[in-house]
Amino acid sequence: MPKGMNLSGLSQLQLNAIARQLNERPRKTLGFHTPAEMFSECVASTG
């Protein structure tokens, strides 16, 4: 998605799908882990 894209025309289902796609995409800055994996690790370590 381009920066500054107007998201007001999208439904909540579409926004949820976009968020899921972004959170399941491996990131170089996270050692090629996904944000979702890193979040789960963080939550597990605080319990």
PDB file of N, CA and C in Angstrom:
ATOM      1  N   MET A   1       0.841  -1.176   0.000  1.00  0.00           N
ATOM      2  CA  MET A   1       0.000   0.000   0.000  1.00  0.00           C
ATOM      3  C   MET A   1       0.886   1.240   0.000  1.00  0.00           C
ATOM      4  N   PRO A   2       0.528   2.204  -0.781  1.00  0.00           N
ATOM      5  CA  PRO A   2       1.309   3.440  -0.815  1.00  0.00           C
ATOM      6  C   PRO A   2       1.138   4.242   0.476  1.00  0.00           C
ATOM      7  N   LYS A   3       2.194   4.953   0.842  1.00  0.00           N
ATOM      8  CA  LYS A   3       2.119   5.838   2.006  1.00  0.00           C
ATOM      9  C   LYS A   3       1.033   6.870   1.779  1.00  0.00           C
ATOM     10  N   GLY A   4       0.307   7.202   2.835  1.00  0.00           N
ATOM     11  CA  GLY A   4      -0.709   8.237   2.753  1.00  0.00           C
ATOM     12  C   GLY A   4      -1.998   7.806   2.086  1.00  0.00           C
ATOM     13  N   MET A   5      -2.147   6.504   1.831  1.00  0.00           N
ATOM     14  CA  MET A   5      -3.364   6.019   1.184  1.00  0.00           C
ATOM     15  C   MET A   5      -4.564   6.231   2.109  1.00  0.00           C
ATOM     16  N   ASN A   6      -5.655   6.684   1.551  1.00  0.00           N
ATOM     17  CA  ASN A   6      -6.871   6.902   2.318  1.00  0.00           C
ATOM     18  C   ASN A   6      -7.546   5.560   2.573  1.00  0.00           C
ATOM     19  N   LEU A   7      -7.651   5.185   3.845  1.00  0.00           N
ATOM     20  CA  LEU A   7      -8.221   3.888   4.205  1.00  0.00           C
ATOM     21  C   LEU A   7      -9.696   3.975   4.578  1.00  0.00           C
ATOM     22  N   SER A   8     -10.275   5.156   4.507  1.00  0.00           N
ATOM     23  CA  SER A   8     -11.654   5.333   4.962  1.00  0.00           C
ATOM     24  C   SER A   8     -12.668   4.569   4.105  1.00  0.00           C
ATOM     25  N   GLY A   9     -12.312   4.224   2.896  1.00  0.00           N
ATOM     26  CA  GLY A   9     -13.238   3.507   2.024  1.00  0.00           C
ATOM     27  C   GLY A   9     -13.180   1.997   2.186  1.00  0.00           C
ATOM     28  N   LEU A  10     -12.324   1.512   3.073  1.00  0.00           N
ATOM     29  CA  LEU A  10     -12.175   0.076   3.259  1.00  0.00           C
ATOM     30  C   LEU A  10     -13.037  -0.412   4.421  1.00  0.00           C
ATOM     31  N   SER A  11     -13.517  -1.627   4.298  1.00  0.00           N
ATOM     32  CA  SER A  11     -14.327  -2.212   5.376  1.00  0.00           C
ATOM     33  C   SER A  11     -13.400  -2.713   6.487  1.00  0.00           C
ATOM     34  N   GLN A  12     -13.972  -3.017   7.639  1.00  0.00           N
ATOM     35  CA  GLN A  12     -13.194  -3.546   8.752  1.00  0.00           C
ATOM     36  C   GLN A  12     -12.575  -4.891   8.385  1.00  0.00           C
ATOM     37  N   LEU A  13     -13.273  -5.703   7.607  1.00  0.00           N
ATOM     38  CA  LEU A  13     -12.718  -6.990   7.171  1.00  0.00           C
ATOM     39  C   LEU A  13     -11.478  -6.793   6.307  1.00  0.00           C
ATOM     40  N   GLN A  14     -11.535  -5.810   5.414  1.00  0.00           N
ATOM     41  CA  GLN A  14     -10.380  -5.516   4.567  1.00  0.00           C
ATOM     42  C   GLN A  14      -9.209  -5.007   5.406  1.00  0.00           C
ATOM     43  N   LEU A  15      -9.499  -4.141   6.375  1.00  0.00           N
ATOM     44  CA  LEU A  15      -8.438  -3.624   7.249  1.00  0.00           C
ATOM     45  C   LEU A  15      -7.821  -4.744   8.086  1.00  0.00           C
ATOM     46  N   ASN A  16      -8.642  -5.662   8.568  1.00  0.00           N
ATOM     47  CA  ASN A  16      -8.134  -6.797   9.335  1.00  0.00           C
ATOM     48  C   ASN A  16      -7.227  -7.673   8.472  1.00  0.00           C
ATOM     49  N   ALA A  17      -7.599  -7.883   7.221  1.00  0.00           N
ATOM     50  CA  ALA A  17      -6.787  -8.688   6.304  1.00  0.00           C
ATOM     51  C   ALA A  17      -5.444  -8.021   6.043  1.00  0.00           C
ATOM     52  N   ILE A  18      -5.447  -6.718   5.878  1.00  0.00           N
ATOM     53  CA  ILE A  18      -4.203  -5.970   5.660  1.00  0.00           C
ATOM     54  C   ILE A  18      -3.309  -6.079   6.892  1.00  0.00           C
ATOM     55  N   ALA A  19      -3.883  -5.894   8.080  1.00  0.00           N
ATOM     56  CA  ALA A  19      -3.111  -5.990   9.320  1.00  0.00           C
ATOM     57  C   ALA A  19      -2.522  -7.387   9.478  1.00  0.00           C
ATOM     58  N   ARG A  20      -3.307  -8.412   9.179  1.00  0.00           N
ATOM     59  CA  ARG A  20      -2.826  -9.786   9.279  1.00  0.00           C
ATOM     60  C   ARG A  20      -1.656 -10.022   8.325  1.00  0.00           C
ATOM     61  N   GLN A  21      -1.790  -9.521   7.094  1.00  0.00           N
ATOM     62  CA  GLN A  21      -0.716  -9.663   6.105  1.00  0.00           C
ATOM     63  C   GLN A  21       0.560  -9.003   6.597  1.00  0.00           C
ATOM     64  N   LEU A  22       0.442  -7.803   7.125  1.00  0.00           N
ATOM     65  CA  LEU A  22       1.621  -7.076   7.601  1.00  0.00           C
ATOM     66  C   LEU A  22       2.266  -7.764   8.797  1.00  0.00           C
ATOM     67  N   ASN A  23       1.465  -8.290   9.709  1.00  0.00           N
ATOM     68  CA  ASN A  23       1.993  -8.918  10.911  1.00  0.00           C
ATOM     69  C   ASN A  23       2.548 -10.312  10.685  1.00  0.00           C
ATOM     70  N   GLU A  24       2.218 -10.919   9.556  1.00  0.00           N
ATOM     71  CA  GLU A  24       2.718 -12.255   9.246  1.00  0.00           C
ATOM     72  C   GLU A  24       3.876 -12.223   8.253  1.00  0.00           C
ATOM     73  N   ARG A  25       4.347 -11.037   7.921  1.00  0.00           N
ATOM     74  CA  ARG A  25       5.439 -10.892   6.955  1.00  0.00           C
ATOM     75  C   ARG A  25       6.771 -10.800   7.698  1.00  0.00           C
ATOM     76  N   PRO A  26       7.723 -11.711   7.424  1.00  0.00           N
ATOM     77  CA  PRO A  26       9.022 -11.653   8.107  1.00  0.00           C
ATOM     78  C   PRO A  26       9.727 -10.326   7.831  1.00  0.00           C
ATOM     79  N   ARG A  27      10.424  -9.827   8.841  1.00  0.00           N
ATOM     80  CA  ARG A  27      11.136  -8.553   8.722  1.00  0.00           C
ATOM     81  C   ARG A  27      12.623  -8.754   8.957  1.00  0.00           C
ATOM     82  N   LYS A  28      13.422  -8.141   8.132  1.00  0.00           N
ATOM     83  CA  LYS A  28      14.881  -8.218   8.277  1.00  0.00           C
ATOM     84  C   LYS A  28      15.308  -7.660   9.629  1.00  0.00           C
ATOM     85  N   THR A  29      14.681  -6.567  10.058  1.00  0.00           N
ATOM     86  CA  THR A  29      15.056  -5.931  11.325  1.00  0.00           C
ATOM     87  C   THR A  29      14.720  -6.804  12.537  1.00  0.00           C
ATOM     88  N   LEU A  30      13.881  -7.811  12.344  1.00  0.00           N
ATOM     89  CA  LEU A  30      13.530  -8.728  13.431  1.00  0.00           C
ATOM     90  C   LEU A  30      14.214 -10.085  13.256  1.00  0.00           C
ATOM     91  N   GLY A  31      15.290 -10.095  12.506  1.00  0.00           N
ATOM     92  CA  GLY A  31      16.002 -11.351  12.262  1.00  0.00           C
ATOM     93  C   GLY A  31      15.180 -12.320  11.434  1.00  0.00           C
ATOM     94  N   PHE A  32      14.389 -11.787  10.533  1.00  0.00           N
ATOM     95  CA  PHE A  32      13.512 -12.546   9.638  1.00  0.00           C
ATOM     96  C   PHE A  32      12.432 -13.322  10.390  1.00  0.00           C
ATOM     97  N   HIS A  33      12.073 -12.801  11.563  1.00  0.00           N
ATOM     98  CA  HIS A  33      10.891 -13.278  12.275  1.00  0.00           C
ATOM     99  C   HIS A  33       9.755 -12.326  11.928  1.00  0.00           C
ATOM    100  N   THR A  34       8.537 -12.755  12.203  1.00  0.00           N
ATOM    101  CA  THR A  34       7.396 -11.885  11.953  1.00  0.00           C
ATOM    102  C   THR A  34       7.097 -11.060  13.199  1.00  0.00           C
ATOM    103  N   PRO A  35       6.453  -9.898  13.037  1.00  0.00           N
ATOM    104  CA  PRO A  35       6.046  -9.127  14.209  1.00  0.00           C
ATOM    105  C   PRO A  35       5.161  -9.951  15.147  1.00  0.00           C
ATOM    106  N   ALA A  36       4.311 -10.804  14.594  1.00  0.00           N
ATOM    107  CA  ALA A  36       3.437 -11.641  15.412  1.00  0.00           C
ATOM    108  C   ALA A  36       4.259 -12.615  16.262  1.00  0.00           C
ATOM    109  N   GLU A  37       5.309 -13.199  15.683  1.00  0.00           N
ATOM    110  CA  GLU A  37       6.173 -14.108  16.438  1.00  0.00           C
ATOM    111  C   GLU A  37       6.884 -13.370  17.565  1.00  0.00           C
ATOM    112  N   MET A  38       7.401 -12.208  17.265  1.00  0.00           N
ATOM    113  CA  MET A  38       8.129 -11.435  18.273  1.00  0.00           C
ATOM    114  C   MET A  38       7.193 -10.999  19.392  1.00  0.00           C
ATOM    115  N   PHE A  39       5.969 -10.628  19.067  1.00  0.00           N
ATOM    116  CA  PHE A  39       4.996 -10.237  20.067  1.00  0.00           C
ATOM    117  C   PHE A  39       4.671 -11.432  20.976  1.00  0.00           C
ATOM    118  N   SER A  40       4.466 -12.601  20.365  1.00  0.00           N
ATOM    119  CA  SER A  40       4.158 -13.798  21.145  1.00  0.00           C
ATOM    120  C   SER A  40       5.300 -14.145  22.099  1.00  0.00           C
ATOM    121  N   GLU A  41       6.542 -14.031  21.616  1.00  0.00           N
ATOM    122  CA  GLU A  41       7.702 -14.285  22.470  1.00  0.00           C
ATOM    123  C   GLU A  41       7.748 -13.316  23.633  1.00  0.00           C
ATOM    124  N   CYS A  42       7.473 -12.065  23.351  1.00  0.00           N
ATOM    125  CA  CYS A  42       7.499 -11.016  24.383  1.00  0.00           C
ATOM    126  C   CYS A  42       6.431 -11.289  25.441  1.00  0.00           C
ATOM    127  N   VAL A  43       5.247 -11.629  25.019  1.00  0.00           N
ATOM    128  CA  VAL A  43       4.142 -11.903  25.952  1.00  0.00           C
ATOM    129  C   VAL A  43       4.449 -13.153  26.775  1.00  0.00           C
ATOM    130  N   ALA A  44       5.005 -14.176  26.132  1.00  0.00           N
ATOM    131  CA  ALA A  44       5.333 -15.426  26.832  1.00  0.00           C
ATOM    132  C   ALA A  44       6.406 -15.204  27.889  1.00  0.00           C
ATOM    133  N   SER A  45       7.349 -14.303  27.624  1.00  0.00           N
ATOM    134  CA  SER A  45       8.435 -14.087  28.566  1.00  0.00           C
ATOM    135  C   SER A  45       8.019 -13.242  29.771  1.00  0.00           C
ATOM    136  N   THR A  46       6.883 -12.566  29.695  1.00  0.00           N
ATOM    137  CA  THR A  46       6.429 -11.740  30.821  1.00  0.00           C
ATOM    138  C   THR A  46       5.489 -12.498  31.742  1.00  0.00           C
ATOM    139  N   GLY A  47       5.068 -13.686  31.334  1.00  0.00           N
ATOM    140  CA  GLY A  47       4.096 -14.466  32.105  1.00  0.00           C
ATOM    141  C   GLY A  47       4.727 -15.270  33.131  1.00  0.00           C
TER     142      GLY A  47
END
